[in-house]
Amino acid sequence: MRNGKFQNEAIRMAADIAVSHHEKWNGKGYPAELSGESIPLSARIMAISDMYDALVFVRPYKKSWTHEHAVEDIIRNKNIAFDPPIVEAFVLESENFKEIKNMYRDSWTIFYLH
C-alpha cells in the first residue's frame, strides 16, 4: 500500500471482499452497515457466492442444503441481503454453480468434517 492506496488492483479487490462481503443490500450488514451500491461490487458478488457455499456444503454445525433450496433462499433475500441484478445473474448461472458444487462435494465434506 502506498499513501493509503493499493498498487495492485487484485489486492484492492481482495481487501474489499474481505472487509465488505458481509454487508447487506439494505444496510443491515457489517462491519460498516454499507448499503446498495456503496458496497464494493466485488463484495456484492462474493456475498452471494459465500452464501451459496455456506448453504450447499455440510458444516460441523449443519447439514447441507439442496441446490434448489439454496437458490430459493438467495432469491428470497434479493433486495434485502443481495444486489438484485447480481441475484438475477446468479439465477441465470445457477446450474453452473450446481455443477461446480457436485464436482467438489466430496472434497468439501472431508475438509469440514475432519
PDB file of N, CA and C in Angstrom:
ATOM      1  N   MET A   1       0.859  -1.165   0.000  1.00  0.00           N
ATOM      2  CA  MET A   1       0.000   0.000   0.000  1.00  0.00           C
ATOM      3  C   MET A   1       0.913   1.239   0.000  1.00  0.00           C
ATOM      4  N   ARG A   2       0.574   2.216  -0.800  1.00  0.00           N
ATOM      5  CA  ARG A   2       1.330   3.461  -0.852  1.00  0.00           C
ATOM      6  C   ARG A   2       0.343   4.612  -0.686  1.00  0.00           C
ATOM      7  N   ASN A   3       0.591   5.463   0.296  1.00  0.00           N
ATOM      8  CA  ASN A   3      -0.279   6.611   0.566  1.00  0.00           C
ATOM      9  C   ASN A   3      -1.736   6.191   0.723  1.00  0.00           C
ATOM     10  N   GLY A   4      -1.962   5.045   1.371  1.00  0.00           N
ATOM     11  CA  GLY A   4      -3.322   4.577   1.595  1.00  0.00           C
ATOM     12  C   GLY A   4      -3.980   3.943   0.390  1.00  0.00           C
ATOM     13  N   LYS A   5      -3.265   3.780  -0.714  1.00  0.00           N
ATOM     14  CA  LYS A   5      -3.834   3.191  -1.923  1.00  0.00           C
ATOM     15  C   LYS A   5      -3.092   1.908  -2.275  1.00  0.00           C
ATOM     16  N   PHE A   6      -3.852   0.917  -2.709  1.00  0.00           N
ATOM     17  CA  PHE A   6      -3.244  -0.334  -3.128  1.00  0.00           C
ATOM     18  C   PHE A   6      -2.676  -0.176  -4.528  1.00  0.00           C
ATOM     19  N   GLN A   7      -1.464  -0.647  -4.727  1.00  0.00           N
ATOM     20  CA  GLN A   7      -0.831  -0.566  -6.038  1.00  0.00           C
ATOM     21  C   GLN A   7      -1.386  -1.624  -6.981  1.00  0.00           C
ATOM     22  N   ASN A   8      -1.807  -2.718  -6.451  1.00  0.00           N
ATOM     23  CA  ASN A   8      -2.273  -3.828  -7.263  1.00  0.00           C
ATOM     24  C   ASN A   8      -3.795  -3.933  -7.165  1.00  0.00           C
ATOM     25  N   GLU A   9      -4.470  -3.887  -8.290  1.00  0.00           N
ATOM     26  CA  GLU A   9      -5.933  -3.930  -8.320  1.00  0.00           C
ATOM     27  C   GLU A   9      -6.482  -5.205  -7.686  1.00  0.00           C
ATOM     28  N   ALA A  10      -5.820  -6.332  -7.890  1.00  0.00           N
ATOM     29  CA  ALA A  10      -6.280  -7.598  -7.300  1.00  0.00           C
ATOM     30  C   ALA A  10      -6.220  -7.545  -5.779  1.00  0.00           C
ATOM     31  N   ILE A  11      -5.190  -6.928  -5.235  1.00  0.00           N
ATOM     32  CA  ILE A  11      -5.074  -6.795  -3.776  1.00  0.00           C
ATOM     33  C   ILE A  11      -6.180  -5.887  -3.252  1.00  0.00           C
ATOM     34  N   ARG A  12      -6.460  -4.800  -3.960  1.00  0.00           N
ATOM     35  CA  ARG A  12      -7.534  -3.895  -3.539  1.00  0.00           C
ATOM     36  C   ARG A  12      -8.867  -4.635  -3.552  1.00  0.00           C
ATOM     37  N   MET A  13      -9.115  -5.402  -4.608  1.00  0.00           N
ATOM     38  CA  MET A  13     -10.366  -6.141  -4.713  1.00  0.00           C
ATOM     39  C   MET A  13     -10.469  -7.181  -3.591  1.00  0.00           C
ATOM     40  N   ALA A  14      -9.377  -7.868  -3.311  1.00  0.00           N
ATOM     41  CA  ALA A  14      -9.372  -8.857  -2.231  1.00  0.00           C
ATOM     42  C   ALA A  14      -9.662  -8.184  -0.894  1.00  0.00           C
ATOM     43  N   ALA A  15      -9.104  -7.018  -0.682  1.00  0.00           N
ATOM     44  CA  ALA A  15      -9.359  -6.277   0.559  1.00  0.00           C
ATOM     45  C   ALA A  15     -10.827  -5.861   0.641  1.00  0.00           C
ATOM     46  N   ASP A  16     -11.388  -5.376  -0.470  1.00  0.00           N
ATOM     47  CA  ASP A  16     -12.811  -5.014  -0.495  1.00  0.00           C
ATOM     48  C   ASP A  16     -13.686  -6.219  -0.138  1.00  0.00           C
ATOM     49  N   ILE A  17     -13.359  -7.370  -0.717  1.00  0.00           N
ATOM     50  CA  ILE A  17     -14.137  -8.586  -0.449  1.00  0.00           C
ATOM     51  C   ILE A  17     -14.021  -8.971   1.017  1.00  0.00           C
ATOM     52  N   ALA A  18     -12.794  -9.001   1.527  1.00  0.00           N
ATOM     53  CA  ALA A  18     -12.580  -9.410   2.916  1.00  0.00           C
ATOM     54  C   ALA A  18     -13.336  -8.504   3.886  1.00  0.00           C
ATOM     55  N   VAL A  19     -13.306  -7.221   3.634  1.00  0.00           N
ATOM     56  CA  VAL A  19     -13.933  -6.264   4.552  1.00  0.00           C
ATOM     57  C   VAL A  19     -15.452  -6.189   4.375  1.00  0.00           C
ATOM     58  N   SER A  20     -15.947  -6.311   3.149  1.00  0.00           N
ATOM     59  CA  SER A  20     -17.340  -5.925   2.878  1.00  0.00           C
ATOM     60  C   SER A  20     -18.293  -7.031   2.464  1.00  0.00           C
ATOM     61  N   HIS A  21     -17.865  -8.286   2.385  1.00  0.00           N
ATOM     62  CA  HIS A  21     -18.782  -9.304   1.861  1.00  0.00           C
ATOM     63  C   HIS A  21     -19.902  -9.687   2.831  1.00  0.00           C
ATOM     64  N   HIS A  22     -19.868  -9.162   4.062  1.00  0.00           N
ATOM     65  CA  HIS A  22     -20.976  -9.379   4.989  1.00  0.00           C
ATOM     66  C   HIS A  22     -21.901  -8.162   5.100  1.00  0.00           C
ATOM     67  N   GLU A  23     -21.662  -7.162   4.262  1.00  0.00           N
ATOM     68  CA  GLU A  23     -22.593  -6.037   4.191  1.00  0.00           C
ATOM     69  C   GLU A  23     -23.862  -6.525   3.496  1.00  0.00           C
ATOM     70  N   LYS A  24     -24.968  -5.868   3.752  1.00  0.00           N
ATOM     71  CA  LYS A  24     -26.255  -6.253   3.162  1.00  0.00           C
ATOM     72  C   LYS A  24     -26.777  -5.117   2.288  1.00  0.00           C
ATOM     73  N   TRP A  25     -27.440  -5.480   1.222  1.00  0.00           N
ATOM     74  CA  TRP A  25     -28.002  -4.510   0.286  1.00  0.00           C
ATOM     75  C   TRP A  25     -28.841  -3.470   1.018  1.00  0.00           C
ATOM     76  N   ASN A  26     -29.576  -3.891   2.062  1.00  0.00           N
ATOM     77  CA  ASN A  26     -30.459  -2.980   2.786  1.00  0.00           C
ATOM     78  C   ASN A  26     -29.739  -2.196   3.890  1.00  0.00           C
ATOM     79  N   GLY A  27     -28.439  -2.378   4.049  1.00  0.00           N
ATOM     80  CA  GLY A  27     -27.679  -1.609   5.041  1.00  0.00           C
ATOM     81  C   GLY A  27     -27.616  -2.234   6.420  1.00  0.00           C
ATOM     82  N   LYS A  28     -28.136  -3.432   6.579  1.00  0.00           N
ATOM     83  CA  LYS A  28     -28.170  -4.049   7.906  1.00  0.00           C
ATOM     84  C   LYS A  28     -27.068  -5.096   8.101  1.00  0.00           C
ATOM     85  N   GLY A  29     -26.012  -5.005   7.312  1.00  0.00           N
ATOM     86  CA  GLY A  29     -24.897  -5.929   7.447  1.00  0.00           C
ATOM     87  C   GLY A  29     -23.807  -5.340   8.327  1.00  0.00           C
ATOM     88  N   TYR A  30     -22.626  -5.894   8.192  1.00  0.00           N
ATOM     89  CA  TYR A  30     -21.487  -5.428   8.980  1.00  0.00           C
ATOM     90  C   TYR A  30     -20.218  -5.563   8.156  1.00  0.00           C
ATOM     91  N   PRO A  31     -19.178  -4.836   8.464  1.00  0.00           N
ATOM     92  CA  PRO A  31     -18.919  -4.077   9.683  1.00  0.00           C
ATOM     93  C   PRO A  31     -19.355  -2.612   9.622  1.00  0.00           C
ATOM     94  N   ALA A  32     -19.587  -2.068   8.413  1.00  0.00           N
ATOM     95  CA  ALA A  32     -19.827  -0.624   8.292  1.00  0.00           C
ATOM     96  C   ALA A  32     -21.273  -0.258   7.987  1.00  0.00           C
ATOM     97  N   GLU A  33     -22.163  -1.244   7.911  1.00  0.00           N
ATOM     98  CA  GLU A  33     -23.571  -1.010   7.565  1.00  0.00           C
ATOM     99  C   GLU A  33     -23.712  -0.243   6.253  1.00  0.00           C
ATOM    100  N   LEU A  34     -22.871  -0.624   5.282  1.00  0.00           N
ATOM    101  CA  LEU A  34     -22.997  -0.045   3.942  1.00  0.00           C
ATOM    102  C   LEU A  34     -24.268  -0.587   3.298  1.00  0.00           C
ATOM    103  N   SER A  35     -24.799   0.132   2.326  1.00  0.00           N
ATOM    104  CA  SER A  35     -25.995  -0.330   1.631  1.00  0.00           C
ATOM    105  C   SER A  35     -25.854  -0.089   0.135  1.00  0.00           C
ATOM    106  N   GLY A  36     -26.653  -0.839  -0.617  1.00  0.00           N
ATOM    107  CA  GLY A  36     -26.734  -0.647  -2.056  1.00  0.00           C
ATOM    108  C   GLY A  36     -25.379  -0.609  -2.736  1.00  0.00           C
ATOM    109  N   GLU A  37     -25.245   0.318  -3.677  1.00  0.00           N
ATOM    110  CA  GLU A  37     -24.043   0.400  -4.478  1.00  0.00           C
ATOM    111  C   GLU A  37     -22.844   0.990  -3.741  1.00  0.00           C
ATOM    112  N   SER A  38     -23.023   1.379  -2.476  1.00  0.00           N
ATOM    113  CA  SER A  38     -21.854   1.804  -1.697  1.00  0.00           C
ATOM    114  C   SER A  38     -21.026   0.588  -1.265  1.00  0.00           C
ATOM    115  N   ILE A  39     -21.595  -0.610  -1.373  1.00  0.00           N
ATOM    116  CA  ILE A  39     -20.850  -1.845  -1.131  1.00  0.00           C
ATOM    117  C   ILE A  39     -20.044  -2.120  -2.403  1.00  0.00           C
ATOM    118  N   PRO A  40     -18.743  -2.378  -2.286  1.00  0.00           N
ATOM    119  CA  PRO A  40     -17.958  -2.662  -3.500  1.00  0.00           C
ATOM    120  C   PRO A  40     -18.569  -3.810  -4.296  1.00  0.00           C
ATOM    121  N   LEU A  41     -18.551  -3.671  -5.617  1.00  0.00           N
ATOM    122  CA  LEU A  41     -19.133  -4.678  -6.496  1.00  0.00           C
ATOM    123  C   LEU A  41     -18.564  -6.067  -6.219  1.00  0.00           C
ATOM    124  N   SER A  42     -17.259  -6.163  -6.042  1.00  0.00           N
ATOM    125  CA  SER A  42     -16.643  -7.472  -5.788  1.00  0.00           C
ATOM    126  C   SER A  42     -17.209  -8.108  -4.527  1.00  0.00           C
ATOM    127  N   ALA A  43     -17.484  -7.322  -3.508  1.00  0.00           N
ATOM    128  CA  ALA A  43     -18.047  -7.845  -2.261  1.00  0.00           C
ATOM    129  C   ALA A  43     -19.507  -8.259  -2.445  1.00  0.00           C
ATOM    130  N   ARG A  44     -20.252  -7.522  -3.278  1.00  0.00           N
ATOM    131  CA  ARG A  44     -21.645  -7.897  -3.557  1.00  0.00           C
ATOM    132  C   ARG A  44     -21.720  -9.231  -4.287  1.00  0.00           C
ATOM    133  N   ILE A  45     -20.784  -9.460  -5.183  1.00  0.00           N
ATOM    134  CA  ILE A  45     -20.730 -10.734  -5.898  1.00  0.00           C
ATOM    135  C   ILE A  45     -20.327 -11.850  -4.928  1.00  0.00           C
ATOM    136  N   MET A  46     -19.291 -11.598  -4.134  1.00  0.00           N
ATOM    137  CA  MET A  46     -18.812 -12.617  -3.197  1.00  0.00           C
ATOM    138  C   MET A  46     -19.864 -12.957  -2.152  1.00  0.00           C
ATOM    139  N   ALA A  47     -20.690 -12.006  -1.765  1.00  0.00           N
ATOM    140  CA  ALA A  47     -21.721 -12.269  -0.762  1.00  0.00           C
ATOM    141  C   ALA A  47     -22.627 -13.413  -1.198  1.00  0.00           C
ATOM    142  N   ILE A  48     -23.017 -13.419  -2.464  1.00  0.00           N
ATOM    143  CA  ILE A  48     -23.882 -14.491  -2.974  1.00  0.00           C
ATOM    144  C   ILE A  48     -23.104 -15.796  -3.075  1.00  0.00           C
ATOM    145  N   SER A  49     -21.897 -15.746  -3.562  1.00  0.00           N
ATOM    146  CA  SER A  49     -21.076 -16.952  -3.665  1.00  0.00           C
ATOM    147  C   SER A  49     -20.824 -17.560  -2.290  1.00  0.00           C
ATOM    148  N   ASP A  50     -20.518 -16.709  -1.326  1.00  0.00           N
ATOM    149  CA  ASP A  50     -20.267 -17.166   0.041  1.00  0.00           C
ATOM    150  C   ASP A  50     -21.513 -17.797   0.648  1.00  0.00           C
ATOM    151  N   MET A  51     -22.671 -17.176   0.425  1.00  0.00           N
ATOM    152  CA  MET A  51     -23.921 -17.715   0.953  1.00  0.00           C
ATOM    153  C   MET A  51     -24.231 -19.065   0.311  1.00  0.00           C
ATOM    154  N   TYR A  52     -24.085 -19.155  -0.990  1.00  0.00           N
ATOM    155  CA  TYR A  52     -24.352 -20.416  -1.681  1.00  0.00           C
ATOM    156  C   TYR A  52     -23.457 -21.518  -1.112  1.00  0.00           C
ATOM    157  N   ASP A  53     -22.179 -21.238  -1.003  1.00  0.00           N
ATOM    158  CA  ASP A  53     -21.222 -22.206  -0.466  1.00  0.00           C
ATOM    159  C   ASP A  53     -21.610 -22.629   0.954  1.00  0.00           C
ATOM    160  N   ALA A  54     -21.955 -21.674   1.783  1.00  0.00           N
ATOM    161  CA  ALA A  54     -22.314 -21.978   3.168  1.00  0.00           C
ATOM    162  C   ALA A  54     -23.573 -22.843   3.250  1.00  0.00           C
ATOM    163  N   LEU A  55     -24.484 -22.651   2.319  1.00  0.00           N
ATOM    164  CA  LEU A  55     -25.734 -23.409   2.360  1.00  0.00           C
ATOM    165  C   LEU A  55     -25.596 -24.819   1.797  1.00  0.00           C
ATOM    166  N   VAL A  56     -24.911 -24.984   0.676  1.00  0.00           N
ATOM    167  CA  VAL A  56     -24.931 -26.280  -0.006  1.00  0.00           C
ATOM    168  C   VAL A  56     -23.877 -27.269   0.477  1.00  0.00           C
ATOM    169  N   PHE A  57     -22.900 -26.809   1.233  1.00  0.00           N
ATOM    170  CA  PHE A  57     -21.899 -27.730   1.761  1.00  0.00           C
ATOM    171  C   PHE A  57     -22.120 -27.951   3.250  1.00  0.00           C
ATOM    172  N   VAL A  58     -21.854 -29.166   3.676  1.00  0.00           N
ATOM    173  CA  VAL A  58     -22.008 -29.523   5.080  1.00  0.00           C
ATOM    174  C   VAL A  58     -21.019 -28.712   5.927  1.00  0.00           C
ATOM    175  N   ARG A  59     -21.447 -28.396   7.117  1.00  0.00           N
ATOM    176  CA  ARG A  59     -20.595 -27.719   8.087  1.00  0.00           C
ATOM    177  C   ARG A  59     -20.691 -28.519   9.387  1.00  0.00           C
ATOM    178  N   PRO A  60     -19.761 -28.330  10.290  1.00  0.00           N
ATOM    179  CA  PRO A  60     -19.840 -29.084  11.551  1.00  0.00           C
ATOM    180  C   PRO A  60     -21.144 -28.827  12.320  1.00  0.00           C
ATOM    181  N   TYR A  61     -21.762 -27.685  12.085  1.00  0.00           N
ATOM    182  CA  TYR A  61     -22.956 -27.282  12.813  1.00  0.00           C
ATOM    183  C   TYR A  61     -24.248 -27.431  12.015  1.00  0.00           C
ATOM    184  N   LYS A  62     -24.171 -27.915  10.765  1.00  0.00           N
ATOM    185  CA  LYS A  62     -25.389 -28.045   9.954  1.00  0.00           C
ATOM    186  C   LYS A  62     -25.189 -29.017   8.802  1.00  0.00           C
ATOM    187  N   LYS A  63     -26.290 -29.547   8.337  1.00  0.00           N
ATOM    188  CA  LYS A  63     -26.283 -30.398   7.150  1.00  0.00           C
ATOM    189  C   LYS A  63     -26.320 -29.507   5.912  1.00  0.00           C
ATOM    190  N   SER A  64     -25.963 -30.086   4.778  1.00  0.00           N
ATOM    191  CA  SER A  64     -26.004 -29.328   3.532  1.00  0.00           C
ATOM    192  C   SER A  64     -27.446 -29.177   3.055  1.00  0.00           C
ATOM    193  N   TRP A  65     -27.704 -28.078   2.389  1.00  0.00           N
ATOM    194  CA  TRP A  65     -28.993 -27.836   1.761  1.00  0.00           C
ATOM    195  C   TRP A  65     -28.921 -28.323   0.324  1.00  0.00           C
ATOM    196  N   THR A  66     -30.064 -28.554  -0.271  1.00  0.00           N
ATOM    197  CA  THR A  66     -30.089 -28.866  -1.693  1.00  0.00           C
ATOM    198  C   THR A  66     -29.767 -27.589  -2.477  1.00  0.00           C
ATOM    199  N   HIS A  67     -29.320 -27.781  -3.685  1.00  0.00           N
ATOM    200  CA  HIS A  67     -29.061 -26.657  -4.578  1.00  0.00           C
ATOM    201  C   HIS A  67     -30.327 -25.806  -4.736  1.00  0.00           C
ATOM    202  N   GLU A  68     -31.446 -26.479  -4.961  1.00  0.00           N
ATOM    203  CA  GLU A  68     -32.711 -25.772  -5.195  1.00  0.00           C
ATOM    204  C   GLU A  68     -33.113 -24.925  -3.989  1.00  0.00           C
ATOM    205  N   HIS A  69     -32.959 -25.473  -2.798  1.00  0.00           N
ATOM    206  CA  HIS A  69     -33.309 -24.745  -1.575  1.00  0.00           C
ATOM    207  C   HIS A  69     -32.391 -23.528  -1.409  1.00  0.00           C
ATOM    208  N   ALA A  70     -31.108 -23.700  -1.688  1.00  0.00           N
ATOM    209  CA  ALA A  70     -30.164 -22.584  -1.584  1.00  0.00           C
ATOM    210  C   ALA A  70     -30.514 -21.471  -2.573  1.00  0.00           C
ATOM    211  N   VAL A  71     -30.834 -21.853  -3.817  1.00  0.00           N
ATOM    212  CA  VAL A  71     -31.211 -20.855  -4.826  1.00  0.00           C
ATOM    213  C   VAL A  71     -32.463 -20.109  -4.376  1.00  0.00           C
ATOM    214  N   GLU A  72     -33.448 -20.831  -3.865  1.00  0.00           N
ATOM    215  CA  GLU A  72     -34.673 -20.184  -3.365  1.00  0.00           C
ATOM    216  C   GLU A  72     -34.366 -19.194  -2.258  1.00  0.00           C
ATOM    217  N   ASP A  73     -33.470 -19.561  -1.352  1.00  0.00           N
ATOM    218  CA  ASP A  73     -33.135 -18.671  -0.242  1.00  0.00           C
ATOM    219  C   ASP A  73     -32.426 -17.409  -0.740  1.00  0.00           C
ATOM    220  N   ILE A  74     -31.538 -17.562  -1.694  1.00  0.00           N
ATOM    221  CA  ILE A  74     -30.854 -16.400  -2.255  1.00  0.00           C
ATOM    222  C   ILE A  74     -31.853 -15.490  -2.966  1.00  0.00           C
ATOM    223  N   ILE A  75     -32.765 -16.066  -3.720  1.00  0.00           N
ATOM    224  CA  ILE A  75     -33.803 -15.266  -4.389  1.00  0.00           C
ATOM    225  C   ILE A  75     -34.667 -14.550  -3.347  1.00  0.00           C
ATOM    226  N   ARG A  76     -35.015 -15.231  -2.291  1.00  0.00           N
ATOM    227  CA  ARG A  76     -35.839 -14.640  -1.227  1.00  0.00           C
ATOM    228  C   ARG A  76     -35.139 -13.428  -0.587  1.00  0.00           C
ATOM    229  N   ASN A  77     -33.809 -13.430  -0.595  1.00  0.00           N
ATOM    230  CA  ASN A  77     -33.052 -12.344   0.022  1.00  0.00           C
ATOM    231  C   ASN A  77     -32.628 -11.245  -0.955  1.00  0.00           C
ATOM    232  N   LYS A  78     -33.152 -11.312  -2.178  1.00  0.00           N
ATOM    233  CA  LYS A  78     -32.932 -10.251  -3.167  1.00  0.00           C
ATOM    234  C   LYS A  78     -33.550  -8.964  -2.613  1.00  0.00           C
ATOM    235  N   ASN A  79     -32.848  -7.868  -2.727  1.00  0.00           N
ATOM    236  CA  ASN A  79     -33.274  -6.553  -2.207  1.00  0.00           C
ATOM    237  C   ASN A  79     -33.146  -6.438  -0.699  1.00  0.00           C
ATOM    238  N   ILE A  80     -32.829  -7.512  -0.016  1.00  0.00           N
ATOM    239  CA  ILE A  80     -32.633  -7.479   1.444  1.00  0.00           C
ATOM    240  C   ILE A  80     -31.137  -7.605   1.715  1.00  0.00           C
ATOM    241  N   ALA A  81     -30.602  -8.773   1.416  1.00  0.00           N
ATOM    242  CA  ALA A  81     -29.167  -9.009   1.617  1.00  0.00           C
ATOM    243  C   ALA A  81     -28.374  -8.796   0.337  1.00  0.00           C
ATOM    244  N   PHE A  82     -28.996  -9.048  -0.803  1.00  0.00           N
ATOM    245  CA  PHE A  82     -28.253  -9.118  -2.056  1.00  0.00           C
ATOM    246  C   PHE A  82     -28.720  -8.119  -3.104  1.00  0.00           C
ATOM    247  N   ASP A  83     -27.763  -7.674  -3.902  1.00  0.00           N
ATOM    248  CA  ASP A  83     -27.976  -6.767  -5.022  1.00  0.00           C
ATOM    249  C   ASP A  83     -28.886  -7.459  -6.052  1.00  0.00           C
ATOM    250  N   PRO A  84     -30.038  -6.879  -6.387  1.00  0.00           N
ATOM    251  CA  PRO A  84     -30.982  -7.529  -7.304  1.00  0.00           C
ATOM    252  C   PRO A  84     -30.400  -7.967  -8.649  1.00  0.00           C
ATOM    253  N   PRO A  85     -29.656  -7.132  -9.382  1.00  0.00           N
ATOM    254  CA  PRO A  85     -29.111  -7.617 -10.657  1.00  0.00           C
ATOM    255  C   PRO A  85     -28.110  -8.773 -10.481  1.00  0.00           C
ATOM    256  N   ILE A  86     -27.393  -8.791  -9.383  1.00  0.00           N
ATOM    257  CA  ILE A  86     -26.451  -9.888  -9.157  1.00  0.00           C
ATOM    258  C   ILE A  86     -27.212 -11.164  -8.832  1.00  0.00           C
ATOM    259  N   VAL A  87     -28.315 -11.065  -8.121  1.00  0.00           N
ATOM    260  CA  VAL A  87     -29.160 -12.244  -7.897  1.00  0.00           C
ATOM    261  C   VAL A  87     -29.673 -12.775  -9.223  1.00  0.00           C
ATOM    262  N   GLU A  88     -30.106 -11.888 -10.094  1.00  0.00           N
ATOM    263  CA  GLU A  88     -30.596 -12.323 -11.409  1.00  0.00           C
ATOM    264  C   GLU A  88     -29.497 -13.030 -12.203  1.00  0.00           C
ATOM    265  N   ALA A  89     -28.288 -12.499 -12.153  1.00  0.00           N
ATOM    266  CA  ALA A  89     -27.161 -13.145 -12.834  1.00  0.00           C
ATOM    267  C   ALA A  89     -26.874 -14.507 -12.210  1.00  0.00           C
ATOM    268  N   PHE A  90     -26.944 -14.581 -10.888  1.00  0.00           N
ATOM    269  CA  PHE A  90     -26.741 -15.858 -10.195  1.00  0.00           C
ATOM    270  C   PHE A  90     -27.777 -16.885 -10.654  1.00  0.00           C
ATOM    271  N   VAL A  91     -29.032 -16.474 -10.729  1.00  0.00           N
ATOM    272  CA  VAL A  91     -30.097 -17.393 -11.155  1.00  0.00           C
ATOM    273  C   VAL A  91     -29.811 -17.912 -12.564  1.00  0.00           C
ATOM    274  N   LEU A  92     -29.391 -17.018 -13.454  1.00  0.00           N
ATOM    275  CA  LEU A  92     -29.072 -17.431 -14.828  1.00  0.00           C
ATOM    276  C   LEU A  92     -27.915 -18.437 -14.868  1.00  0.00           C
ATOM    277  N   GLU A  93     -27.001 -18.331 -13.934  1.00  0.00           N
ATOM    278  CA  GLU A  93     -25.826 -19.208 -13.893  1.00  0.00           C
ATOM    279  C   GLU A  93     -25.928 -20.301 -12.840  1.00  0.00           C
ATOM    280  N   SER A  94     -27.082 -20.439 -12.200  1.00  0.00           N
ATOM    281  CA  SER A  94     -27.198 -21.351 -11.057  1.00  0.00           C
ATOM    282  C   SER A  94     -26.887 -22.808 -11.400  1.00  0.00           C
ATOM    283  N   GLU A  95     -27.184 -23.231 -12.610  1.00  0.00           N
ATOM    284  CA  GLU A  95     -26.849 -24.614 -12.985  1.00  0.00           C
ATOM    285  C   GLU A  95     -25.338 -24.824 -13.012  1.00  0.00           C
ATOM    286  N   ASN A  96     -24.587 -23.784 -13.376  1.00  0.00           N
ATOM    287  CA  ASN A  96     -23.125 -23.878 -13.322  1.00  0.00           C
ATOM    288  C   ASN A  96     -22.648 -23.978 -11.881  1.00  0.00           C
ATOM    289  N   PHE A  97     -23.293 -23.244 -10.966  1.00  0.00           N
ATOM    290  CA  PHE A  97     -22.966 -23.358  -9.547  1.00  0.00           C
ATOM    291  C   PHE A  97     -23.217 -24.786  -9.075  1.00  0.00           C
ATOM    292  N   LYS A  98     -24.330 -25.356  -9.493  1.00  0.00           N
ATOM    293  CA  LYS A  98     -24.673 -26.724  -9.097  1.00  0.00           C
ATOM    294  C   LYS A  98     -23.634 -27.717  -9.613  1.00  0.00           C
ATOM    295  N   GLU A  99     -23.227 -27.536 -10.843  1.00  0.00           N
ATOM    296  CA  GLU A  99     -22.231 -28.423 -11.446  1.00  0.00           C
ATOM    297  C   GLU A  99     -20.906 -28.362 -10.680  1.00  0.00           C
ATOM    298  N   ILE A 100     -20.477 -27.165 -10.344  1.00  0.00           N
ATOM    299  CA  ILE A 100     -19.224 -26.993  -9.587  1.00  0.00           C
ATOM    300  C   ILE A 100     -19.372 -27.581  -8.187  1.00  0.00           C
ATOM    301  N   LYS A 101     -20.517 -27.349  -7.564  1.00  0.00           N
ATOM    302  CA  LYS A 101     -20.774 -27.919  -6.231  1.00  0.00           C
ATOM    303  C   LYS A 101     -20.656 -29.429  -6.282  1.00  0.00           C
ATOM    304  N   ASN A 102     -21.269 -30.048  -7.269  1.00  0.00           N
ATOM    305  CA  ASN A 102     -21.230 -31.506  -7.387  1.00  0.00           C
ATOM    306  C   ASN A 102     -19.816 -32.013  -7.656  1.00  0.00           C
ATOM    307  N   MET A 103     -19.048 -31.254  -8.395  1.00  0.00           N
ATOM    308  CA  MET A 103     -17.677 -31.636  -8.708  1.00  0.00           C
ATOM    309  C   MET A 103     -16.816 -31.685  -7.437  1.00  0.00           C
ATOM    310  N   TYR A 104     -17.071 -30.770  -6.493  1.00  0.00           N
ATOM    311  CA  TYR A 104     -16.237 -30.656  -5.299  1.00  0.00           C
ATOM    312  C   TYR A 104     -16.922 -31.147  -4.024  1.00  0.00           C
ATOM    313  N   ARG A 105     -18.080 -31.743  -4.142  1.00  0.00           N
ATOM    314  CA  ARG A 105     -18.866 -32.176  -2.988  1.00  0.00           C
ATOM    315  C   ARG A 105     -18.043 -33.017  -2.011  1.00  0.00           C
ATOM    316  N   ASP A 106     -17.368 -34.028  -2.492  1.00  0.00           N
ATOM    317  CA  ASP A 106     -16.640 -34.933  -1.605  1.00  0.00           C
ATOM    318  C   ASP A 106     -15.461 -34.258  -0.921  1.00  0.00           C
ATOM    319  N   SER A 107     -14.729 -33.441  -1.623  1.00  0.00           N
ATOM    320  CA  SER A 107     -13.565 -32.800  -1.008  1.00  0.00           C
ATOM    321  C   SER A 107     -13.986 -31.810   0.067  1.00  0.00           C
ATOM    322  N   TRP A 108     -15.075 -31.090  -0.122  1.00  0.00           N
ATOM    323  CA  TRP A 108     -15.557 -30.155   0.893  1.00  0.00           C
ATOM    324  C   TRP A 108     -16.072 -30.886   2.120  1.00  0.00           C
ATOM    325  N   THR A 109     -16.758 -31.991   1.915  1.00  0.00           N
ATOM    326  CA  THR A 109     -17.276 -32.751   3.037  1.00  0.00           C
ATOM    327  C   THR A 109     -16.123 -33.248   3.894  1.00  0.00           C
ATOM    328  N   ILE A 110     -15.089 -33.773   3.269  1.00  0.00           N
ATOM    329  CA  ILE A 110     -13.922 -34.239   4.014  1.00  0.00           C
ATOM    330  C   ILE A 110     -13.264 -33.089   4.755  1.00  0.00           C
ATOM    331  N   PHE A 111     -13.120 -31.942   4.111  1.00  0.00           N
ATOM    332  CA  PHE A 111     -12.492 -30.790   4.716  1.00  0.00           C
ATOM    333  C   PHE A 111     -13.228 -30.328   5.975  1.00  0.00           C
ATOM    334  N   TYR A 112     -14.550 -30.220   5.894  1.00  0.00           N
ATOM    335  CA  TYR A 112     -15.309 -29.678   7.010  1.00  0.00           C
ATOM    336  C   TYR A 112     -15.585 -30.688   8.120  1.00  0.00           C
ATOM    337  N   LEU A 113     -15.541 -31.955   7.829  1.00  0.00           N
ATOM    338  CA  LEU A 113     -15.869 -32.945   8.865  1.00  0.00           C
ATOM    339  C   LEU A 113     -14.630 -33.531   9.526  1.00  0.00           C
ATOM    340  N   HIS A 114     -13.449 -33.199   9.039  1.00  0.00           N
ATOM    341  CA  HIS A 114     -12.229 -33.769   9.645  1.00  0.00           C
ATOM    342  C   HIS A 114     -11.306 -32.696  10.153  1.00  0.00           C
TER     343      HIS A 114
END
